[in-house]
Amino acid sequence: MQARYLIDLEKNEDGGYTVTVPALPGCVTEGSTWDEAIANAQEAIVGYIEALKDLGKPIPVEIPVEIEPAAL
């Protein structure tokens, strides 16, 4: 099973996108286009997890939570 992480994409004023991964503190990247930003995020996540493994640190697991519409 492949881990999945939520990413936040923010459009920059001067063009391009900045991407952060909330579950992985400090995991930040960017891209000139939406597609490039997402591809760079995938690379950044893989590198981040590899670094954690090399350091013997735990790998964060993001658990999806479903919210009932009535709760909103």
Protein backbone atom coordinates (compact mmCIF):
# COMPACT_ATOMS: atom_id res chain seq x y z
CA MET A 1 0.00 0.00 0.00
CA GLN A 2 1.30 3.43 -0.93
CA ALA A 3 1.06 6.24 1.60
CA ARG A 4 -0.89 9.33 0.61
CA TYR A 5 -0.37 12.82 1.98
CA LEU A 6 -2.49 15.92 1.69
CA ILE A 7 -0.67 18.80 0.02
CA ASP A 8 -1.41 22.51 0.10
CA LEU A 9 -0.79 24.43 -3.13
CA GLU A 10 -0.56 28.19 -2.93
CA LYS A 11 -0.40 30.34 -6.05
CA ASN A 12 2.44 32.85 -5.81
CA GLU A 13 1.90 36.50 -6.73
CA ASP A 14 4.78 36.41 -9.22
CA GLY A 15 3.62 33.12 -10.79
CA GLY A 16 4.16 29.50 -9.95
CA TYR A 17 3.06 27.56 -6.91
CA THR A 18 4.44 26.78 -3.47
CA VAL A 19 3.56 23.37 -2.06
CA THR A 20 3.63 22.28 1.59
CA VAL A 21 2.87 18.90 3.12
CA PRO A 22 1.21 19.52 6.51
CA ALA A 23 1.88 16.00 7.83
CA LEU A 24 5.60 16.32 7.03
CA PRO A 25 6.95 19.44 8.79
CA GLY A 26 9.44 21.30 6.63
CA CYS A 27 8.49 19.44 3.45
CA VAL A 28 8.13 22.36 1.04
CA THR A 29 8.68 22.66 -2.70
CA GLU A 30 7.50 24.73 -5.64
CA GLY A 31 6.86 24.62 -9.35
CA SER A 32 6.26 26.98 -12.25
CA THR A 33 3.01 25.22 -13.19
CA TRP A 34 0.35 23.28 -11.29
CA ASP A 35 1.55 19.98 -12.79
CA GLU A 36 5.21 20.74 -12.06
CA ALA A 37 4.38 21.69 -8.47
CA ILE A 38 2.54 18.41 -7.91
CA ALA A 39 5.36 16.37 -9.50
CA ASN A 40 7.90 18.21 -7.33
CA ALA A 41 5.73 17.53 -4.27
CA GLN A 42 5.78 13.81 -5.03
CA GLU A 43 9.58 13.90 -5.28
CA ALA A 44 9.87 15.93 -2.08
CA ILE A 45 7.65 13.49 -0.16
CA VAL A 46 9.70 10.50 -1.33
CA GLY A 47 12.96 12.24 -0.38
CA TYR A 48 11.59 13.30 3.01
CA ILE A 49 10.48 9.75 3.84
CA GLU A 50 13.81 8.29 2.68
CA ALA A 51 15.63 10.75 4.97
CA LEU A 52 13.43 9.73 7.90
CA LYS A 53 14.18 6.06 7.21
CA ASP A 54 17.93 6.77 7.01
CA LEU A 55 17.76 8.55 10.37
CA GLY A 56 15.72 5.76 11.94
CA LYS A 57 12.84 8.15 12.65
CA PRO A 58 9.14 7.24 12.50
CA ILE A 59 7.28 7.96 9.30
CA PRO A 60 4.11 10.01 9.83
CA VAL A 61 0.93 8.35 8.63
CA GLU A 62 -1.93 10.54 7.53
CA ILE A 63 -5.29 9.08 8.44
CA PRO A 64 -8.20 10.31 6.34
CA VAL A 65 -11.19 11.54 8.31
CA GLU A 66 -14.68 11.66 6.88
CA ILE A 67 -16.98 14.36 8.16
CA GLU A 68 -20.71 13.88 7.98
CA PRO A 69 -22.45 16.74 6.12
CA ALA A 70 -24.78 17.27 9.11
CA ALA A 71 -21.71 18.01 11.28
CA LEU A 72 -20.70 20.97 9.12
